[in-house]
Amino acid sequence: MIKKILFSTLIVLGSYTATFAQSNKTKEAKLEDPDNLASQYFSQVMGVAVDATSNLKLYKFIYEWIGTPYRYGGNTKKGIDCSAFTKAIYDKVFNTNILRNSRDIFSMVDPLSRDELKEGDLVFFKIKSRSISHVGVYLGDNRFAHASVKGVRISNLNEPYYSRYFYKGGRILDPANKEFIEE
């Protein structure tokens, strides 16, 4: 009788151990997946919900530029302005050539409202001006990356300042349908 109980216990423990080991392997695989680690890292460091559908190349590029000082007309890590930063993202991440200033970039987009924005879309602002004076790249969850006077950073469209000056979002039109000339 004792042998039967011990045997039954060993079978149950063996089954539990196999299930537990398989569960741990699945968890370890998720943790060791570089894309999953990158997603978790960018989610925490940048305060943006990065998931499996996110463009990790976009977040890596932005991360490398975070903190770069603002410089009007600049386009290097020593200093960059909003349109040069946006142009660099589109060139390096999306392999798309866009124009150099925010007003010209707006001429290349299909305008969108805030609720239509998707990751990679553009956000345009009229800051103390009648014309577009600022541009950034939308990341989701009302967050966008841009080169502000405080340097390259991630901001929220719901912040009173950006909410006040937000003009429109935009998605780059298919270049096959429209001819763009680099200035």
Protein backbone atom coordinates (compact mmCIF):
# COMPACT_ATOMS: atom_id res chain seq x y z
CA MET A 1 0.00 0.00 0.00
CA ILE A 2 2.79 2.41 0.92
CA LYS A 3 4.57 1.52 -2.34
CA LYS A 4 1.40 2.43 -4.31
CA ILE A 5 1.13 5.79 -2.52
CA LEU A 6 4.83 6.54 -3.09
CA PHE A 7 4.57 5.50 -6.73
CA SER A 8 1.47 7.69 -7.26
CA THR A 9 3.17 10.61 -5.55
CA LEU A 10 6.24 10.24 -7.74
CA ILE A 11 4.10 10.19 -10.88
CA VAL A 12 2.24 13.34 -9.80
CA LEU A 13 5.51 15.08 -8.86
CA GLY A 14 7.10 14.04 -12.16
CA SER A 15 4.15 15.40 -14.09
CA TYR A 16 4.23 18.65 -12.11
CA THR A 17 7.99 19.01 -12.61
CA ALA A 18 7.67 18.48 -16.38
CA THR A 19 4.88 21.08 -16.60
CA PHE A 20 6.86 23.54 -14.45
CA ALA A 21 10.02 23.01 -16.53
CA GLN A 22 8.11 23.60 -19.78
CA SER A 23 6.54 26.77 -18.33
CA ASN A 24 9.99 28.05 -17.30
CA LYS A 25 11.42 27.31 -20.75
CA THR A 26 8.65 29.38 -22.33
CA LYS A 27 9.30 32.27 -19.93
CA GLU A 28 13.06 32.06 -20.51
CA ALA A 29 12.56 32.07 -24.28
CA LYS A 30 10.48 35.25 -23.99
CA LEU A 31 13.09 36.90 -21.80
CA GLU A 32 15.96 35.88 -24.07
CA ASP A 33 14.21 37.13 -27.24
CA PRO A 34 16.14 40.31 -28.16
CA ASP A 35 13.06 41.98 -29.63
CA ASN A 36 11.08 41.32 -26.47
CA LEU A 37 13.92 42.65 -24.31
CA ALA A 38 14.19 45.75 -26.49
CA SER A 39 10.43 46.30 -26.27
CA GLN A 40 10.52 46.06 -22.49
CA TYR A 41 13.54 48.35 -22.29
CA PHE A 42 12.10 51.07 -24.51
CA SER A 43 8.74 50.82 -22.75
CA GLN A 44 10.40 51.48 -19.40
CA VAL A 45 13.08 53.98 -20.40
CA MET A 46 11.05 56.02 -22.86
CA GLY A 47 7.69 55.75 -21.13
CA VAL A 48 6.02 54.50 -24.31
CA ALA A 49 4.01 51.32 -24.72
CA VAL A 50 6.25 49.35 -27.07
CA ASP A 51 4.82 45.99 -28.09
CA ALA A 52 5.41 43.23 -30.61
CA THR A 53 3.85 45.29 -33.40
CA SER A 54 6.05 48.31 -32.73
CA ASN A 55 8.87 49.32 -35.01
CA LEU A 56 11.91 48.63 -32.81
CA LYS A 57 14.20 50.31 -35.34
CA LEU A 58 12.23 53.53 -34.75
CA TYR A 59 12.60 53.33 -30.97
CA LYS A 60 16.29 52.44 -31.17
CA PHE A 61 16.93 55.41 -33.46
CA ILE A 62 15.05 57.81 -31.17
CA TYR A 63 16.82 56.43 -28.09
CA GLU A 64 20.20 57.12 -29.68
CA TRP A 65 19.21 60.78 -30.16
CA ILE A 66 17.46 61.45 -26.82
CA GLY A 67 19.09 64.43 -25.13
CA THR A 68 20.75 65.80 -28.26
CA PRO A 69 20.65 69.60 -27.90
CA TYR A 70 18.42 71.75 -30.05
CA ARG A 71 20.10 73.90 -32.67
CA TYR A 72 18.13 75.77 -35.31
CA GLY A 73 19.35 74.55 -38.70
CA GLY A 74 21.39 71.78 -37.06
CA ASN A 75 21.40 68.21 -38.26
CA THR A 76 24.05 66.44 -36.17
CA LYS A 77 24.39 65.01 -32.66
CA LYS A 78 25.98 68.32 -31.68
CA GLY A 79 22.61 69.99 -32.30
CA ILE A 80 19.50 69.34 -34.38
CA ASP A 81 16.19 71.02 -35.11
CA CYS A 82 12.75 69.41 -35.36
CA SER A 83 12.57 69.05 -39.13
CA ALA A 84 16.11 67.65 -39.43
CA PHE A 85 15.33 65.12 -36.69
CA THR A 86 12.12 64.09 -38.42
CA LYS A 87 13.90 63.90 -41.78
CA ALA A 88 16.61 61.69 -40.23
CA ILE A 89 14.01 59.32 -38.76
CA TYR A 90 12.24 58.97 -42.09
CA ASP A 91 15.52 58.47 -43.93
CA LYS A 92 17.10 55.92 -41.54
CA VAL A 93 14.03 54.11 -40.21
CA PHE A 94 11.49 54.25 -43.05
CA ASN A 95 13.87 54.65 -46.03
CA THR A 96 11.80 57.62 -47.14
CA ASN A 97 13.20 60.94 -48.24
CA ILE A 98 11.20 63.92 -46.99
CA LEU A 99 11.71 67.65 -47.32
CA ARG A 100 13.69 69.71 -44.82
CA ASN A 101 11.30 72.12 -43.08
CA SER A 102 8.06 71.48 -41.22
CA ARG A 103 5.85 73.45 -43.63
CA ASP A 104 7.30 71.63 -46.65
CA ILE A 105 6.95 68.27 -44.89
CA PHE A 106 3.27 69.05 -44.30
CA SER A 107 2.83 69.40 -48.07
CA MET A 108 3.86 65.72 -48.35
CA VAL A 109 1.19 64.29 -46.04
CA ASP A 110 -2.41 63.26 -45.99
CA PRO A 111 -3.72 65.33 -43.03
CA LEU A 112 -5.10 63.38 -40.05
CA SER A 113 -6.93 64.18 -36.85
CA ARG A 114 -5.42 63.18 -33.51
CA ASP A 115 -7.63 60.12 -33.21
CA GLU A 116 -6.43 58.78 -36.59
CA LEU A 117 -2.71 58.85 -35.69
CA LYS A 118 -0.64 55.67 -35.83
CA GLU A 119 2.96 54.95 -34.92
CA GLY A 120 5.28 56.67 -37.40
CA ASP A 121 2.79 59.35 -38.44
CA LEU A 122 3.78 62.99 -38.16
CA VAL A 123 2.41 65.62 -35.80
CA PHE A 124 2.45 69.30 -36.74
CA PHE A 125 2.17 72.37 -34.56
CA LYS A 126 1.56 76.06 -35.08
CA ILE A 127 3.47 77.43 -32.10
CA LYS A 128 2.73 81.11 -31.64
CA SER A 129 2.44 81.37 -35.42
CA ARG A 130 -0.15 81.29 -38.20
CA SER A 131 1.94 78.73 -40.08
CA ILE A 132 3.34 75.34 -39.15
CA SER A 133 6.46 75.81 -37.07
CA HIS A 134 7.13 72.41 -35.47
CA VAL A 135 7.01 68.71 -36.37
CA GLY A 136 7.49 65.41 -34.55
CA VAL A 137 6.95 61.68 -35.04
CA TYR A 138 3.99 60.03 -33.34
CA LEU A 139 4.72 56.94 -31.21
CA GLY A 140 1.29 55.99 -29.87
CA ASP A 141 -0.46 56.63 -26.55
CA ASN A 142 -0.44 60.39 -27.36
CA ARG A 143 3.37 60.42 -27.24
CA PHE A 144 5.67 61.80 -29.91
CA ALA A 145 9.40 62.19 -30.42
CA HIS A 146 10.78 65.56 -31.49
CA ALA A 147 13.63 68.01 -31.19
CA SER A 148 12.35 70.73 -28.91
CA VAL A 149 14.19 73.74 -27.50
CA LYS A 150 14.96 71.40 -24.57
CA GLY A 151 16.61 68.89 -26.94
CA VAL A 152 15.45 65.62 -28.47
CA ARG A 153 12.79 64.15 -26.24
CA ILE A 154 9.48 62.35 -26.02
CA SER A 155 6.49 64.49 -25.13
CA ASN A 156 2.77 63.97 -24.73
CA LEU A 157 0.13 65.59 -26.95
CA ASN A 158 -2.04 65.97 -23.85
CA GLU A 159 0.47 68.31 -22.19
CA PRO A 160 -1.23 71.72 -22.13
CA TYR A 161 1.51 73.35 -24.24
CA TYR A 162 1.37 70.80 -27.06
CA SER A 163 -2.39 70.40 -26.85
CA ARG A 164 -2.77 74.17 -27.29
CA TYR A 165 -0.55 74.39 -30.38
CA PHE A 166 -1.32 71.06 -32.06
CA TYR A 167 -2.42 71.66 -35.65
CA LYS A 168 -2.82 68.31 -37.43
CA GLY A 169 -1.33 64.89 -37.84
CA GLY A 170 -0.17 63.57 -41.17
CA ARG A 171 0.77 60.39 -42.97
CA ILE A 172 3.29 60.59 -45.79
CA LEU A 173 1.59 60.20 -49.14
CA ASP A 174 2.77 57.47 -51.48
CA PRO A 175 5.63 59.05 -53.44
CA ALA A 176 4.45 57.16 -56.53
CA ASN A 177 1.33 59.32 -56.52
CA LYS A 178 3.06 62.65 -56.01
CA GLU A 179 6.42 64.01 -57.06
CA PHE A 180 8.61 65.42 -54.28
CA ILE A 181 11.67 67.45 -55.01
CA GLU A 182 14.41 67.77 -52.41
CA GLU A 183 15.35 71.38 -51.74
